[in-house]
Each structure stands twice: as structure tokens, then as C-alpha cells.
Protein backbone atom coordinates (compact mmCIF):
# COMPACT_ATOMS: atom_id res chain seq x y z
CA MET A 1 229.42 164.81 -60.99
CA GLU A 2 230.54 162.85 -57.72
CA GLU A 3 230.85 159.33 -57.48
CA GLU A 4 230.13 159.10 -53.75
CA GLY A 5 226.66 158.12 -53.16
CA MET A 6 225.54 157.28 -56.79
CA GLU A 7 225.00 153.77 -56.37
CA ASP A 8 221.88 154.49 -54.61
CA ILE A 9 220.38 156.96 -57.23
CA SER A 10 216.76 156.34 -58.56
CA LEU A 11 215.58 156.28 -62.38
CA LYS A 12 214.02 159.56 -61.85
CA GLU A 13 217.06 161.25 -60.19
CA LEU A 14 219.22 159.62 -63.14
CA ALA A 15 216.48 161.31 -65.75
CA LYS A 16 216.91 164.50 -64.31
CA LYS A 17 220.66 164.52 -64.19
CA LEU A 18 220.22 163.49 -68.00
CA ASP A 19 217.87 166.58 -68.67
CA GLU A 20 220.30 168.89 -66.61
CA PHE A 21 223.16 167.15 -68.90
CA ALA A 22 221.45 168.16 -72.27
CA LYS A 23 220.51 171.23 -71.30
CA ALA A 24 224.00 172.30 -70.21
CA ARG A 25 225.10 171.31 -73.61
CA ASP A 26 221.96 172.38 -75.49
CA TRP A 27 221.33 169.04 -76.99
CA GLN A 28 217.53 169.06 -76.40
CA ASN A 29 216.75 169.36 -80.10
CA TYR A 30 218.69 166.27 -81.03
CA HIS A 31 217.20 164.25 -78.09
CA THR A 32 214.25 163.15 -80.09
CA PRO A 33 212.63 159.73 -79.41
CA ARG A 34 214.23 158.49 -82.88
CA ASN A 35 217.63 159.71 -82.31
CA LEU A 36 217.87 158.50 -78.75
CA LEU A 37 216.39 154.87 -80.00
CA LEU A 38 219.04 154.68 -82.52
CA ALA A 39 221.71 155.72 -80.12
CA MET A 40 220.40 153.04 -77.69
CA VAL A 41 220.37 150.52 -80.56
CA GLY A 42 223.97 151.56 -81.12
CA GLU A 43 225.08 151.08 -77.74
CA VAL A 44 223.27 147.72 -77.50
CA GLY A 45 225.67 146.63 -80.55
CA GLU A 46 228.57 147.63 -78.68
CA VAL A 47 227.58 145.45 -75.62
CA SER A 48 226.96 142.37 -77.93
CA GLU A 49 230.61 143.13 -79.54
CA ILE A 50 231.88 142.59 -76.21
CA PHE A 51 230.21 139.04 -76.05
CA GLN A 52 230.66 138.03 -79.52
CA TRP A 53 232.87 135.03 -80.27
CA ARG A 54 232.91 134.06 -76.30
CA GLY A 55 230.52 131.34 -76.23
CA GLU A 56 228.45 131.35 -72.96
CA VAL A 57 230.22 133.05 -70.08
CA GLU A 58 229.93 132.31 -66.18
CA LYS A 59 227.61 134.17 -64.12
CA GLY A 60 229.84 136.71 -62.35
CA LEU A 61 232.37 137.08 -65.42
CA ALA A 62 234.65 135.04 -63.18
CA ASN A 63 237.32 134.39 -66.12
CA TRP A 64 237.58 137.92 -67.24
CA GLU A 65 239.90 140.73 -66.86
CA GLU A 66 238.85 143.59 -64.46
CA SER A 67 239.32 146.12 -67.81
CA GLU A 68 236.84 143.97 -69.87
CA LYS A 69 234.44 144.42 -67.15
CA GLU A 70 234.50 147.96 -66.70
CA HIS A 71 234.37 148.04 -70.38
CA LEU A 72 231.07 145.87 -70.20
CA GLY A 73 230.10 148.18 -67.12
CA GLU A 74 230.54 151.55 -69.40
CA GLU A 75 228.50 149.86 -72.31
CA LEU A 76 225.82 148.68 -70.10
CA SER A 77 225.71 152.18 -68.51
CA ASP A 78 225.19 153.91 -71.90
CA VAL A 79 222.09 151.50 -72.77
CA LEU A 80 220.69 152.40 -69.49
CA LEU A 81 221.22 156.20 -69.72
CA TYR A 82 219.64 156.08 -73.42
CA LEU A 83 216.74 153.95 -72.35
CA ILE A 84 216.16 156.37 -69.13
CA ARG A 85 216.62 159.22 -71.61
CA LEU A 86 214.13 158.15 -74.42
CA ALA A 87 211.52 157.10 -71.64
CA ASP A 88 211.60 160.69 -70.08
CA ILE A 89 211.43 162.13 -73.54
CA CYS A 90 208.57 159.89 -74.28
CA GLY A 91 206.74 160.86 -71.20
CA ILE A 92 207.06 157.52 -69.99
CA ASP A 93 207.30 156.69 -66.10
CA LEU A 94 210.06 154.04 -66.43
CA PRO A 95 209.89 152.77 -62.65
CA HIS A 96 206.09 152.67 -62.82
CA ALA A 97 205.94 150.87 -66.22
CA ALA A 98 208.48 148.56 -65.32
CA THR A 99 206.78 147.57 -61.87
CA LYS A 100 203.58 147.25 -63.70
CA LYS A 101 205.13 144.95 -66.44
CA LEU A 102 206.74 142.82 -63.67
CA LEU A 103 203.25 142.32 -61.67
CA LYS A 104 201.75 141.39 -65.37
CA ASN A 105 204.84 138.76 -66.04
CA ALA A 106 204.07 137.62 -62.64
CA ILE A 107 200.52 136.49 -63.67
CA LYS A 108 201.49 135.14 -67.17
CA TYR A 109 204.51 132.98 -65.47
CA PRO A 110 203.37 131.93 -62.27
CA PRO A 111 205.86 130.27 -59.80
CA ASN A 112 206.72 126.61 -60.85
CA SER A 113 205.96 127.33 -64.55
CA ASN A 114 208.88 126.95 -67.01
CA PRO A 115 208.69 129.22 -70.19
CA PHE A 116 211.95 127.47 -71.38
CA SER A 117 210.84 123.62 -71.39
CA SER A 118 209.37 122.33 -74.42
């Protein structure tokens, strides 16, 4: 896979690439909803380990080494890729579902509302 132009790839394009990746390795039988969910949860745990014991961190991770940011990017990518694959295997149009959920949240939490205030 080439890196050039990849920053503008859609979720649907990523799902297609993930499907091709799995087929090329004969992994389809292992990509069940349960297995993909458990793999994703494991990756979320790896993201959590990166933040463990750091306390709150600044937006933009200004005090982090580039290697730490790169590692975080890799682990976040693993979570995203498993999520996209899980949605695809389950027949969920993730961009559509996410847009629909955002609209529901806009109604539930109108501007000037603060769900974090007591």
C-alpha cells in the first residue's frame, strides 16, 4: 500500500482495503464479529497503556516525544481498523450510522447545554 494520498481515504474505502487484506491472507473465517470485537478491545487496552500513569495530558501532546506520538497513532489506527472491519462484517454502514447518531446527539444536547455541569 502506498502512503501518498491515503490521508483522504473514506471509511468505505478503508473497509474495502481491509476486506481485500483479509481475503489475501485467507483470514475471513477468523473475522467473526466476536473475534473482531475482542481484538478491538485488546487494542483499546494498548491505547490505555500509553496514557496510564501520565495523568492529564495537554491537547496536541506537546510534551510527548515523536516516537510516543507515532506509537499512539499506530494503536489508535489498530482500534479504527478493527472498528471499520467489525462494522463491515456486521453489515453496518458506519459513516451513515455515525452521521445519524451525531444528529440524534445534536437534538439530545442542544448548543449551550452542558452535560458535564452538575
